[in-house]
Amino acid sequence: MRDIVGLYLHPPTRALVLCADEKSQIQALDRTQPLLPMRPGTPERRTHDYRRHGTTSLFAALDIATGKVIGETHRRHRSLEFRSFLDRIDTEVPADLDIHLVLDNYGTHKTPMIQRWLVRHPRFQLHFTPTYSSWINQVERWFGLLTEKQIRRGTHRSTRALEDAIRLYLATYNADPRPFVWIKTADEILDSIARFCLRTSEAGH
């Protein structure tokens, strides 16, 4: 964890730090009744029931320096799709830059297929978040923005409509991207986590 926090706070020169992950099984949902917008004194209302119209997965990599996101959707979520996404990153990032990729420990990221790909692309260096610590991957916060601003309140009557909405959000966001700003040092963050762990362990949780 200290390695990744340090990478955020002091990124290496001539290198790009990308936080990458997959938001899998995003459902294309169609509410059974139209959403009722917020009015003075009345909150926004929506039906509790919906119809499902398939799922898709979003592969995304967030540049911690600029906030720009490289993303693409796939109907399946396998090493094959992840390798395709790595190819996309390799194409979009200038060839003279090394790439530090922050990932979680999902099995798709460690298969023999991916290992062979990495041997052929030595400028990629992978940094895995500790187990149960995927929250430290900044792209997870960006997934939260995507969910809040585009997916949760949307109506999607097909998987293609959902994917179009995701691509629209990507294009709109990348027109004016903003990086997440860390305002504490690595030691302050780790000390805060240590205090939390101590409190929860003393409480018997």
N, C-alpha and C. Protein backbone atom coordinates (compact mmCIF):
# COMPACT_ATOMS: atom_id res chain seq x y z
N MET A 1 0.82 -1.20 0.00
CA MET A 1 0.00 0.00 0.00
C MET A 1 0.86 1.26 0.00
N ARG A 2 1.94 1.24 0.80
CA ARG A 2 2.83 2.40 0.86
C ARG A 2 3.43 2.68 -0.52
N ASP A 3 3.74 1.61 -1.25
CA ASP A 3 4.31 1.76 -2.59
C ASP A 3 3.35 2.51 -3.51
N ILE A 4 2.06 2.18 -3.44
CA ILE A 4 1.08 2.80 -4.34
C ILE A 4 0.81 4.25 -3.93
N VAL A 5 0.66 4.49 -2.63
CA VAL A 5 0.44 5.86 -2.17
C VAL A 5 1.64 6.73 -2.56
N GLY A 6 2.85 6.20 -2.39
CA GLY A 6 4.04 6.94 -2.78
C GLY A 6 4.07 7.20 -4.28
N LEU A 7 3.57 6.26 -5.06
CA LEU A 7 3.51 6.43 -6.51
C LEU A 7 2.57 7.57 -6.87
N TYR A 8 1.46 7.70 -6.14
CA TYR A 8 0.52 8.80 -6.37
C TYR A 8 1.16 10.15 -6.04
N LEU A 9 1.83 10.20 -4.88
CA LEU A 9 2.33 11.47 -4.39
C LEU A 9 3.63 11.90 -5.09
N HIS A 10 4.41 10.93 -5.53
CA HIS A 10 5.69 11.23 -6.18
C HIS A 10 5.85 10.36 -7.43
N PRO A 11 5.07 10.65 -8.47
CA PRO A 11 5.14 9.83 -9.69
C PRO A 11 6.52 9.94 -10.34
N PRO A 12 7.01 8.84 -10.93
CA PRO A 12 8.32 8.87 -11.56
C PRO A 12 8.33 9.76 -12.80
N THR A 13 9.49 10.28 -13.13
CA THR A 13 9.62 11.11 -14.33
C THR A 13 9.61 10.24 -15.57
N ARG A 14 9.23 10.84 -16.69
CA ARG A 14 9.14 10.14 -17.97
C ARG A 14 8.28 8.88 -17.87
N ALA A 15 7.24 8.97 -17.08
CA ALA A 15 6.35 7.83 -16.91
C ALA A 15 4.92 8.32 -16.69
N LEU A 16 3.99 7.46 -16.98
CA LEU A 16 2.57 7.75 -16.78
C LEU A 16 2.03 6.77 -15.75
N VAL A 17 1.35 7.28 -14.73
CA VAL A 17 0.72 6.42 -13.72
C VAL A 17 -0.76 6.33 -14.03
N LEU A 18 -1.23 5.13 -14.31
CA LEU A 18 -2.63 4.90 -14.65
C LEU A 18 -3.26 3.97 -13.63
N CYS A 19 -4.42 4.35 -13.13
CA CYS A 19 -5.20 3.49 -12.24
C CYS A 19 -6.25 2.78 -13.09
N ALA A 20 -6.16 1.47 -13.17
CA ALA A 20 -7.02 0.72 -14.08
C ALA A 20 -7.85 -0.32 -13.34
N ASP A 21 -9.05 -0.55 -13.85
CA ASP A 21 -9.92 -1.58 -13.30
C ASP A 21 -11.08 -1.80 -14.25
N GLU A 22 -11.91 -2.79 -13.91
CA GLU A 22 -13.11 -3.07 -14.70
C GLU A 22 -14.34 -2.84 -13.83
N LYS A 23 -15.32 -2.18 -14.39
CA LYS A 23 -16.64 -2.10 -13.76
C LYS A 23 -17.49 -3.11 -14.51
N SER A 24 -17.65 -4.28 -13.93
CA SER A 24 -18.26 -5.40 -14.64
C SER A 24 -19.76 -5.51 -14.38
N GLN A 25 -20.42 -6.19 -15.29
CA GLN A 25 -21.85 -6.50 -15.15
C GLN A 25 -22.70 -5.25 -14.89
N ILE A 26 -22.47 -4.19 -15.66
CA ILE A 26 -23.31 -2.99 -15.57
C ILE A 26 -24.63 -3.31 -16.27
N GLN A 27 -25.73 -3.14 -15.57
CA GLN A 27 -27.02 -3.56 -16.11
C GLN A 27 -27.71 -2.43 -16.89
N ALA A 28 -28.23 -2.81 -18.05
CA ALA A 28 -29.08 -1.89 -18.81
C ALA A 28 -30.49 -2.02 -18.26
N LEU A 29 -30.92 -1.01 -17.51
CA LEU A 29 -32.21 -1.07 -16.82
C LEU A 29 -33.19 -0.07 -17.41
N ASP A 30 -34.42 -0.50 -17.53
CA ASP A 30 -35.49 0.37 -18.00
C ASP A 30 -36.57 0.40 -16.93
N ARG A 31 -36.79 1.55 -16.32
CA ARG A 31 -37.83 1.68 -15.30
C ARG A 31 -39.20 1.44 -15.92
N THR A 32 -40.10 0.85 -15.15
CA THR A 32 -41.43 0.55 -15.69
C THR A 32 -42.28 1.81 -15.86
N GLN A 33 -41.90 2.89 -15.18
CA GLN A 33 -42.58 4.17 -15.35
C GLN A 33 -41.52 5.27 -15.49
N PRO A 34 -41.82 6.35 -16.21
CA PRO A 34 -40.85 7.44 -16.36
C PRO A 34 -40.46 8.04 -15.01
N LEU A 35 -39.21 8.49 -14.92
CA LEU A 35 -38.73 9.16 -13.72
C LEU A 35 -39.45 10.48 -13.54
N LEU A 36 -39.87 10.78 -12.30
CA LEU A 36 -40.55 12.04 -12.00
C LEU A 36 -39.52 13.00 -11.42
N PRO A 37 -39.24 14.12 -12.10
CA PRO A 37 -38.17 15.02 -11.67
C PRO A 37 -38.49 15.73 -10.36
N MET A 38 -37.43 16.24 -9.74
CA MET A 38 -37.56 16.99 -8.49
C MET A 38 -38.32 18.29 -8.73
N ARG A 39 -39.18 18.64 -7.78
CA ARG A 39 -39.93 19.90 -7.81
C ARG A 39 -39.80 20.58 -6.46
N PRO A 40 -40.14 21.84 -6.36
CA PRO A 40 -40.07 22.51 -5.06
C PRO A 40 -40.86 21.76 -4.00
N GLY A 41 -40.17 21.31 -2.96
CA GLY A 41 -40.82 20.59 -1.87
C GLY A 41 -41.05 19.11 -2.14
N THR A 42 -40.68 18.62 -3.34
CA THR A 42 -40.90 17.21 -3.69
C THR A 42 -39.61 16.62 -4.24
N PRO A 43 -39.11 15.53 -3.67
CA PRO A 43 -37.88 14.92 -4.18
C PRO A 43 -38.11 14.19 -5.49
N GLU A 44 -37.03 13.91 -6.18
CA GLU A 44 -37.12 13.10 -7.39
C GLU A 44 -37.68 11.73 -7.04
N ARG A 45 -38.53 11.20 -7.91
CA ARG A 45 -39.16 9.90 -7.65
C ARG A 45 -38.98 8.97 -8.84
N ARG A 46 -38.83 7.68 -8.50
CA ARG A 46 -38.71 6.66 -9.55
C ARG A 46 -39.32 5.37 -9.03
N THR A 47 -39.75 4.51 -9.94
CA THR A 47 -40.34 3.24 -9.54
C THR A 47 -39.26 2.31 -9.00
N HIS A 48 -39.67 1.41 -8.12
CA HIS A 48 -38.71 0.47 -7.54
C HIS A 48 -38.44 -0.70 -8.48
N ASP A 49 -39.34 -0.93 -9.43
CA ASP A 49 -39.17 -2.09 -10.32
C ASP A 49 -38.67 -1.63 -11.69
N TYR A 50 -38.08 -2.57 -12.41
CA TYR A 50 -37.47 -2.25 -13.71
C TYR A 50 -37.36 -3.52 -14.54
N ARG A 51 -37.06 -3.32 -15.81
CA ARG A 51 -36.79 -4.44 -16.71
C ARG A 51 -35.32 -4.44 -17.07
N ARG A 52 -34.71 -5.63 -17.09
CA ARG A 52 -33.31 -5.76 -17.46
C ARG A 52 -33.19 -6.02 -18.96
N HIS A 53 -32.17 -5.40 -19.57
CA HIS A 53 -31.95 -5.57 -21.00
C HIS A 53 -30.49 -5.91 -21.29
N GLY A 54 -29.89 -6.75 -20.46
CA GLY A 54 -28.53 -7.18 -20.69
C GLY A 54 -27.51 -6.42 -19.86
N THR A 55 -26.26 -6.81 -19.98
CA THR A 55 -25.18 -6.19 -19.21
C THR A 55 -23.97 -5.92 -20.10
N THR A 56 -23.11 -5.04 -19.62
CA THR A 56 -21.83 -4.78 -20.28
C THR A 56 -20.79 -4.53 -19.21
N SER A 57 -19.52 -4.51 -19.59
CA SER A 57 -18.43 -4.21 -18.66
C SER A 57 -17.60 -3.06 -19.22
N LEU A 58 -17.15 -2.20 -18.33
CA LEU A 58 -16.32 -1.07 -18.73
C LEU A 58 -14.91 -1.27 -18.20
N PHE A 59 -13.94 -1.24 -19.11
CA PHE A 59 -12.53 -1.25 -18.74
C PHE A 59 -12.05 0.20 -18.79
N ALA A 60 -11.44 0.67 -17.72
CA ALA A 60 -11.05 2.09 -17.66
C ALA A 60 -9.70 2.25 -16.99
N ALA A 61 -8.93 3.25 -17.45
CA ALA A 61 -7.64 3.60 -16.85
C ALA A 61 -7.58 5.11 -16.68
N LEU A 62 -7.39 5.56 -15.46
CA LEU A 62 -7.38 6.98 -15.14
C LEU A 62 -5.95 7.47 -14.97
N ASP A 63 -5.60 8.52 -15.70
CA ASP A 63 -4.29 9.16 -15.59
C ASP A 63 -4.30 10.05 -14.35
N ILE A 64 -3.48 9.73 -13.35
CA ILE A 64 -3.56 10.47 -12.09
C ILE A 64 -3.07 11.91 -12.24
N ALA A 65 -2.28 12.20 -13.28
CA ALA A 65 -1.74 13.55 -13.44
C ALA A 65 -2.74 14.50 -14.08
N THR A 66 -3.54 14.01 -15.02
CA THR A 66 -4.46 14.88 -15.76
C THR A 66 -5.92 14.59 -15.47
N GLY A 67 -6.23 13.40 -14.97
CA GLY A 67 -7.62 13.00 -14.77
C GLY A 67 -8.26 12.38 -16.00
N LYS A 68 -7.56 12.38 -17.13
CA LYS A 68 -8.12 11.80 -18.35
C LYS A 68 -8.31 10.30 -18.18
N VAL A 69 -9.36 9.76 -18.80
CA VAL A 69 -9.69 8.35 -18.68
C VAL A 69 -9.68 7.69 -20.05
N ILE A 70 -8.95 6.59 -20.15
CA ILE A 70 -9.02 5.72 -21.33
C ILE A 70 -10.02 4.62 -21.01
N GLY A 71 -11.02 4.45 -21.84
CA GLY A 71 -12.04 3.45 -21.52
C GLY A 71 -12.61 2.79 -22.74
N GLU A 72 -13.06 1.56 -22.57
CA GLU A 72 -13.77 0.86 -23.63
C GLU A 72 -14.68 -0.19 -23.01
N THR A 73 -15.78 -0.46 -23.68
CA THR A 73 -16.76 -1.43 -23.17
C THR A 73 -16.59 -2.77 -23.88
N HIS A 74 -16.90 -3.83 -23.14
CA HIS A 74 -16.88 -5.19 -23.69
C HIS A 74 -18.07 -5.95 -23.11
N ARG A 75 -18.63 -6.83 -23.90
CA ARG A 75 -19.76 -7.62 -23.42
C ARG A 75 -19.31 -8.73 -22.47
N ARG A 76 -18.04 -9.13 -22.58
CA ARG A 76 -17.52 -10.17 -21.69
C ARG A 76 -16.35 -9.61 -20.89
N HIS A 77 -15.95 -10.37 -19.88
CA HIS A 77 -14.97 -9.87 -18.91
C HIS A 77 -13.94 -10.97 -18.65
N ARG A 78 -13.02 -11.14 -19.64
CA ARG A 78 -12.03 -12.20 -19.56
C ARG A 78 -10.63 -11.62 -19.82
N SER A 79 -9.64 -12.49 -19.74
CA SER A 79 -8.28 -12.05 -20.04
C SER A 79 -8.17 -11.53 -21.47
N LEU A 80 -8.94 -12.11 -22.37
CA LEU A 80 -8.90 -11.67 -23.77
C LEU A 80 -9.31 -10.21 -23.89
N GLU A 81 -10.37 -9.83 -23.20
CA GLU A 81 -10.82 -8.43 -23.23
C GLU A 81 -9.82 -7.52 -22.51
N PHE A 82 -9.23 -8.02 -21.42
CA PHE A 82 -8.25 -7.21 -20.71
C PHE A 82 -7.01 -6.98 -21.58
N ARG A 83 -6.59 -8.01 -22.31
CA ARG A 83 -5.45 -7.84 -23.21
C ARG A 83 -5.76 -6.82 -24.30
N SER A 84 -6.98 -6.85 -24.82
CA SER A 84 -7.39 -5.85 -25.81
C SER A 84 -7.31 -4.45 -25.22
N PHE A 85 -7.69 -4.31 -23.95
CA PHE A 85 -7.63 -3.00 -23.29
C PHE A 85 -6.18 -2.55 -23.10
N LEU A 86 -5.30 -3.48 -22.75
CA LEU A 86 -3.88 -3.15 -22.63
C LEU A 86 -3.33 -2.67 -23.98
N ASP A 87 -3.76 -3.30 -25.06
CA ASP A 87 -3.36 -2.85 -26.39
C ASP A 87 -3.81 -1.42 -26.63
N ARG A 88 -5.02 -1.12 -26.20
CA ARG A 88 -5.56 0.24 -26.36
C ARG A 88 -4.70 1.25 -25.58
N ILE A 89 -4.34 0.92 -24.35
CA ILE A 89 -3.49 1.81 -23.56
C ILE A 89 -2.14 1.99 -24.24
N ASP A 90 -1.56 0.89 -24.70
CA ASP A 90 -0.26 0.94 -25.35
C ASP A 90 -0.29 1.84 -26.58
N THR A 91 -1.40 1.84 -27.29
CA THR A 91 -1.54 2.67 -28.49
C THR A 91 -1.69 4.15 -28.14
N GLU A 92 -2.44 4.45 -27.09
CA GLU A 92 -2.77 5.84 -26.76
C GLU A 92 -1.67 6.57 -25.99
N VAL A 93 -0.84 5.84 -25.26
CA VAL A 93 0.22 6.48 -24.48
C VAL A 93 1.47 6.62 -25.35
N PRO A 94 2.07 7.82 -25.41
CA PRO A 94 3.28 8.02 -26.22
C PRO A 94 4.34 6.96 -25.94
N ALA A 95 5.01 6.51 -27.00
CA ALA A 95 5.93 5.38 -26.90
C ALA A 95 7.15 5.66 -26.03
N ASP A 96 7.47 6.94 -25.78
CA ASP A 96 8.67 7.26 -24.99
C ASP A 96 8.39 7.27 -23.49
N LEU A 97 7.17 6.98 -23.07
CA LEU A 97 6.82 6.98 -21.65
C LEU A 97 6.69 5.56 -21.11
N ASP A 98 7.23 5.33 -19.91
CA ASP A 98 6.93 4.10 -19.19
C ASP A 98 5.52 4.20 -18.63
N ILE A 99 4.91 3.05 -18.37
CA ILE A 99 3.54 3.03 -17.85
C ILE A 99 3.49 2.23 -16.55
N HIS A 100 3.11 2.91 -15.47
CA HIS A 100 2.90 2.25 -14.18
C HIS A 100 1.39 2.05 -14.03
N LEU A 101 0.98 0.81 -13.96
CA LEU A 101 -0.44 0.48 -13.95
C LEU A 101 -0.83 -0.05 -12.57
N VAL A 102 -1.75 0.66 -11.89
CA VAL A 102 -2.25 0.24 -10.59
C VAL A 102 -3.49 -0.62 -10.82
N LEU A 103 -3.47 -1.84 -10.28
CA LEU A 103 -4.56 -2.82 -10.50
C LEU A 103 -4.89 -3.52 -9.20
N ASP A 104 -6.07 -4.16 -9.17
CA ASP A 104 -6.38 -5.03 -8.05
C ASP A 104 -5.90 -6.45 -8.37
N ASN A 105 -6.18 -7.39 -7.48
CA ASN A 105 -5.65 -8.74 -7.61
C ASN A 105 -6.58 -9.70 -8.34
N TYR A 106 -7.49 -9.16 -9.14
CA TYR A 106 -8.42 -10.03 -9.87
C TYR A 106 -7.63 -10.98 -10.78
N GLY A 107 -8.08 -12.22 -10.86
CA GLY A 107 -7.36 -13.25 -11.59
C GLY A 107 -7.12 -12.93 -13.05
N THR A 108 -8.03 -12.19 -13.67
CA THR A 108 -7.91 -11.82 -15.07
C THR A 108 -6.61 -11.07 -15.35
N HIS A 109 -6.08 -10.38 -14.35
CA HIS A 109 -4.89 -9.55 -14.53
C HIS A 109 -3.60 -10.35 -14.46
N LYS A 110 -3.69 -11.65 -14.13
CA LYS A 110 -2.47 -12.43 -13.85
C LYS A 110 -2.38 -13.73 -14.65
N THR A 111 -3.19 -13.90 -15.65
CA THR A 111 -3.19 -15.15 -16.41
C THR A 111 -1.93 -15.27 -17.26
N PRO A 112 -1.59 -16.49 -17.71
CA PRO A 112 -0.43 -16.66 -18.60
C PRO A 112 -0.50 -15.78 -19.85
N MET A 113 -1.70 -15.58 -20.39
CA MET A 113 -1.85 -14.73 -21.56
C MET A 113 -1.36 -13.31 -21.27
N ILE A 114 -1.74 -12.78 -20.11
CA ILE A 114 -1.33 -11.43 -19.74
C ILE A 114 0.16 -11.39 -19.43
N GLN A 115 0.67 -12.42 -18.78
CA GLN A 115 2.10 -12.47 -18.48
C GLN A 115 2.93 -12.45 -19.76
N ARG A 116 2.49 -13.20 -20.76
CA ARG A 116 3.21 -13.20 -22.03
C ARG A 116 3.14 -11.82 -22.69
N TRP A 117 1.99 -11.18 -22.60
CA TRP A 117 1.84 -9.84 -23.18
C TRP A 117 2.79 -8.85 -22.51
N LEU A 118 2.92 -8.93 -21.20
CA LEU A 118 3.78 -8.02 -20.46
C LEU A 118 5.25 -8.22 -20.82
N VAL A 119 5.66 -9.46 -21.07
CA VAL A 119 7.04 -9.72 -21.48
C VAL A 119 7.34 -9.00 -22.79
N ARG A 120 6.35 -8.96 -23.68
CA ARG A 120 6.54 -8.29 -24.98
C ARG A 120 6.42 -6.78 -24.87
N HIS A 121 5.94 -6.27 -23.74
CA HIS A 121 5.75 -4.83 -23.55
C HIS A 121 6.42 -4.41 -22.25
N PRO A 122 7.75 -4.36 -22.22
CA PRO A 122 8.48 -4.13 -20.96
C PRO A 122 8.27 -2.75 -20.34
N ARG A 123 7.70 -1.80 -21.08
CA ARG A 123 7.51 -0.48 -20.46
C ARG A 123 6.35 -0.48 -19.46
N PHE A 124 5.55 -1.55 -19.43
CA PHE A 124 4.46 -1.66 -18.47
C PHE A 124 4.98 -2.23 -17.15
N GLN A 125 4.70 -1.56 -16.06
CA GLN A 125 5.01 -2.06 -14.73
C GLN A 125 3.71 -2.10 -13.93
N LEU A 126 3.39 -3.26 -13.37
CA LEU A 126 2.13 -3.43 -12.65
C LEU A 126 2.34 -3.29 -11.14
N HIS A 127 1.40 -2.60 -10.50
CA HIS A 127 1.40 -2.43 -9.04
C HIS A 127 0.03 -2.88 -8.54
N PHE A 128 0.01 -3.94 -7.74
CA PHE A 128 -1.26 -4.52 -7.29
C PHE A 128 -1.64 -3.97 -5.90
N THR A 129 -2.90 -3.57 -5.77
CA THR A 129 -3.38 -3.12 -4.46
C THR A 129 -3.49 -4.32 -3.53
N PRO A 130 -3.27 -4.13 -2.23
CA PRO A 130 -3.42 -5.24 -1.28
C PRO A 130 -4.86 -5.76 -1.28
N THR A 131 -5.03 -7.00 -0.87
CA THR A 131 -6.36 -7.60 -0.77
C THR A 131 -7.26 -6.74 0.12
N TYR A 132 -8.50 -6.53 -0.32
CA TYR A 132 -9.50 -5.72 0.38
C TYR A 132 -9.15 -4.23 0.39
N SER A 133 -8.23 -3.80 -0.47
CA SER A 133 -7.85 -2.39 -0.49
C SER A 133 -8.01 -1.78 -1.88
N SER A 134 -8.97 -2.28 -2.65
CA SER A 134 -9.16 -1.74 -3.99
C SER A 134 -9.60 -0.28 -3.95
N TRP A 135 -10.09 0.19 -2.77
CA TRP A 135 -10.49 1.60 -2.64
C TRP A 135 -9.32 2.55 -2.90
N ILE A 136 -8.08 2.05 -2.76
CA ILE A 136 -6.93 2.92 -2.97
C ILE A 136 -6.69 3.18 -4.45
N ASN A 137 -7.36 2.43 -5.30
CA ASN A 137 -7.25 2.62 -6.74
C ASN A 137 -8.16 3.78 -7.15
N GLN A 138 -7.58 4.87 -7.63
CA GLN A 138 -8.35 6.09 -7.87
C GLN A 138 -9.45 5.93 -8.91
N VAL A 139 -9.32 4.98 -9.82
CA VAL A 139 -10.36 4.82 -10.83
C VAL A 139 -11.67 4.37 -10.20
N GLU A 140 -11.60 3.77 -9.01
CA GLU A 140 -12.83 3.37 -8.31
C GLU A 140 -13.68 4.61 -7.99
N ARG A 141 -13.03 5.71 -7.62
CA ARG A 141 -13.76 6.96 -7.35
C ARG A 141 -14.39 7.48 -8.63
N TRP A 142 -13.68 7.33 -9.75
CA TRP A 142 -14.23 7.77 -11.02
C TRP A 142 -15.43 6.90 -11.41
N PHE A 143 -15.38 5.61 -11.13
CA PHE A 143 -16.54 4.75 -11.37
C PHE A 143 -17.74 5.25 -10.57
N GLY A 144 -17.48 5.75 -9.36
CA GLY A 144 -18.56 6.31 -8.56
C GLY A 144 -19.20 7.51 -9.24
N LEU A 145 -18.39 8.38 -9.83
CA LEU A 145 -18.93 9.53 -10.57
C LEU A 145 -19.77 9.07 -11.75
N LEU A 146 -19.26 8.09 -12.49
CA LEU A 146 -20.00 7.56 -13.63
C LEU A 146 -21.37 7.02 -13.21
N THR A 147 -21.38 6.28 -12.12
CA THR A 147 -22.64 5.70 -11.62
C THR A 147 -23.61 6.80 -11.20
N GLU A 148 -23.11 7.78 -10.44
CA GLU A 148 -23.98 8.83 -9.90
C GLU A 148 -24.53 9.73 -11.00
N LYS A 149 -23.71 10.07 -11.97
CA LYS A 149 -24.09 11.09 -12.94
C LYS A 149 -24.66 10.56 -14.24
N GLN A 150 -24.43 9.26 -14.54
CA GLN A 150 -24.89 8.78 -15.84
C GLN A 150 -25.71 7.50 -15.78
N ILE A 151 -25.30 6.53 -14.98
CA ILE A 151 -25.94 5.21 -15.04
C ILE A 151 -27.17 5.12 -14.15
N ARG A 152 -27.04 5.51 -12.89
CA ARG A 152 -28.10 5.29 -11.91
C ARG A 152 -29.41 5.98 -12.29
N ARG A 153 -29.33 7.17 -12.83
CA ARG A 153 -30.54 7.93 -13.14
C ARG A 153 -30.99 7.73 -14.58
N GLY A 154 -30.28 6.90 -15.33
CA GLY A 154 -30.61 6.73 -16.73
C GLY A 154 -31.62 5.62 -16.99
N THR A 155 -32.19 5.65 -18.17
CA THR A 155 -33.08 4.59 -18.66
C THR A 155 -32.45 4.03 -19.93
N HIS A 156 -32.17 2.73 -19.92
CA HIS A 156 -31.47 2.11 -21.05
C HIS A 156 -32.26 0.88 -21.49
N ARG A 157 -32.79 0.96 -22.69
CA ARG A 157 -33.67 -0.10 -23.18
C ARG A 157 -32.93 -1.18 -23.96
N SER A 158 -31.59 -1.07 -24.01
CA SER A 158 -30.77 -2.10 -24.65
C SER A 158 -29.34 -1.94 -24.14
N THR A 159 -28.57 -3.00 -24.32
CA THR A 159 -27.16 -2.92 -23.94
C THR A 159 -26.43 -1.87 -24.76
N ARG A 160 -26.78 -1.76 -26.03
CA ARG A 160 -26.14 -0.76 -26.89
C ARG A 160 -26.44 0.65 -26.38
N ALA A 161 -27.66 0.90 -25.94
CA ALA A 161 -28.01 2.22 -25.41
C ALA A 161 -27.19 2.52 -24.16
N LEU A 162 -26.98 1.52 -23.31
CA LEU A 162 -26.16 1.70 -22.11
C LEU A 162 -24.72 2.01 -22.49
N GLU A 163 -24.18 1.27 -23.45
CA GLU A 163 -22.79 1.51 -23.88
C GLU A 163 -22.64 2.89 -24.52
N ASP A 164 -23.64 3.31 -25.28
CA ASP A 164 -23.60 4.66 -25.87
C ASP A 164 -23.58 5.72 -24.78
N ALA A 165 -24.36 5.49 -23.71
CA ALA A 165 -24.41 6.45 -22.61
C ALA A 165 -23.06 6.52 -21.89
N ILE A 166 -22.41 5.38 -21.73
CA ILE A 166 -21.10 5.35 -21.08
C ILE A 166 -20.07 6.07 -21.94
N ARG A 167 -20.10 5.81 -23.26
CA ARG A 167 -19.14 6.48 -24.15
C ARG A 167 -19.38 7.99 -24.18
N LEU A 168 -20.64 8.39 -24.11
CA LEU A 168 -20.96 9.82 -24.07
C LEU A 168 -20.38 10.46 -22.81
N TYR A 169 -20.53 9.79 -21.68
CA TYR A 169 -19.98 10.33 -20.44
C TYR A 169 -18.46 10.41 -20.51
N LEU A 170 -17.83 9.38 -21.08
CA LEU A 170 -16.38 9.39 -21.24
C LEU A 170 -15.92 10.60 -22.06
N ALA A 171 -16.59 10.83 -23.19
CA ALA A 171 -16.21 11.93 -24.07
C ALA A 171 -16.43 13.27 -23.38
N THR A 172 -17.56 13.41 -22.68
CA THR A 172 -17.87 14.67 -21.98
C THR A 172 -16.87 14.92 -20.86
N TYR A 173 -16.58 13.88 -20.09
CA TYR A 173 -15.63 14.02 -18.98
C TYR A 173 -14.24 14.37 -19.50
N ASN A 174 -13.79 13.70 -20.55
CA ASN A 174 -12.44 13.92 -21.07
C ASN A 174 -12.28 15.27 -21.77
N ALA A 175 -13.38 15.93 -22.07
CA ALA A 175 -13.29 17.27 -22.64
C ALA A 175 -12.77 18.28 -21.61
N ASP A 176 -12.96 17.98 -20.32
CA ASP A 176 -12.46 18.84 -19.25
C ASP A 176 -12.11 17.99 -18.03
N PRO A 177 -11.11 17.12 -18.16
CA PRO A 177 -10.81 16.19 -17.05
C PRO A 177 -10.14 16.91 -15.89
N ARG A 178 -10.33 16.37 -14.70
CA ARG A 178 -9.70 16.94 -13.51
C ARG A 178 -9.17 15.80 -12.63
N PRO A 179 -7.90 15.88 -12.26
CA PRO A 179 -7.34 14.81 -11.43
C PRO A 179 -7.86 14.88 -10.00
N PHE A 180 -7.86 13.74 -9.32
CA PHE A 180 -8.16 13.73 -7.90
C PHE A 180 -6.91 14.21 -7.16
N VAL A 181 -7.10 15.05 -6.16
CA VAL A 181 -5.98 15.65 -5.45
C VAL A 181 -5.85 15.03 -4.07
N TRP A 182 -4.68 14.48 -3.78
CA TRP A 182 -4.39 13.95 -2.45
C TRP A 182 -3.84 15.09 -1.61
N ILE A 183 -4.43 15.34 -0.46
CA ILE A 183 -4.02 16.48 0.36
C ILE A 183 -3.24 16.03 1.60
N LYS A 184 -3.03 14.72 1.75
CA LYS A 184 -2.24 14.22 2.88
C LYS A 184 -1.02 13.47 2.36
N THR A 185 0.00 13.36 3.20
CA THR A 185 1.17 12.58 2.84
C THR A 185 0.87 11.09 2.99
N ALA A 186 1.75 10.27 2.43
CA ALA A 186 1.58 8.82 2.55
C ALA A 186 1.58 8.39 4.01
N ASP A 187 2.47 8.98 4.82
CA ASP A 187 2.54 8.62 6.24
C ASP A 187 1.26 9.00 6.98
N GLU A 188 0.68 10.17 6.66
CA GLU A 188 -0.57 10.58 7.31
C GLU A 188 -1.71 9.64 6.96
N ILE A 189 -1.77 9.22 5.71
CA ILE A 189 -2.82 8.29 5.27
C ILE A 189 -2.67 6.95 5.99
N LEU A 190 -1.44 6.42 6.00
CA LEU A 190 -1.21 5.12 6.62
C LEU A 190 -1.43 5.18 8.13
N ASP A 191 -1.05 6.29 8.78
CA ASP A 191 -1.30 6.44 10.22
C ASP A 191 -2.80 6.46 10.51
N SER A 192 -3.58 7.12 9.65
CA SER A 192 -5.03 7.16 9.82
C SER A 192 -5.63 5.77 9.71
N ILE A 193 -5.14 5.00 8.73
CA ILE A 193 -5.63 3.62 8.56
C ILE A 193 -5.27 2.78 9.78
N ALA A 194 -4.05 2.97 10.30
CA ALA A 194 -3.62 2.21 11.48
C ALA A 194 -4.51 2.52 12.68
N ARG A 195 -4.85 3.80 12.86
CA ARG A 195 -5.73 4.18 13.99
C ARG A 195 -7.10 3.55 13.83
N PHE A 196 -7.62 3.54 12.59
CA PHE A 196 -8.93 2.92 12.35
C PHE A 196 -8.89 1.43 12.67
N CYS A 197 -7.84 0.75 12.20
CA CYS A 197 -7.71 -0.69 12.46
C CYS A 197 -7.63 -0.97 13.96
N LEU A 198 -6.91 -0.12 14.67
CA LEU A 198 -6.79 -0.30 16.12
C LEU A 198 -8.13 -0.13 16.81
N ARG A 199 -8.90 0.89 16.41
CA ARG A 199 -10.21 1.12 17.03
C ARG A 199 -11.16 -0.06 16.76
N THR A 200 -11.18 -0.54 15.52
CA THR A 200 -12.11 -1.62 15.18
C THR A 200 -11.71 -2.93 15.85
N SER A 201 -10.41 -3.18 15.99
CA SER A 201 -9.98 -4.41 16.64
C SER A 201 -10.29 -4.38 18.14
N GLU A 202 -10.17 -3.21 18.76
CA GLU A 202 -10.50 -3.09 20.19
C GLU A 202 -11.98 -3.19 20.44
N ALA A 203 -12.80 -2.84 19.40
CA ALA A 203 -14.25 -2.92 19.56
C ALA A 203 -14.76 -4.33 19.35
N GLY A 204 -13.86 -5.26 18.95
CA GLY A 204 -14.28 -6.65 18.78
C GLY A 204 -14.87 -6.95 17.43
N HIS A 205 -14.73 -6.05 16.43
CA HIS A 205 -15.26 -6.28 15.09
C HIS A 205 -14.23 -6.97 14.23
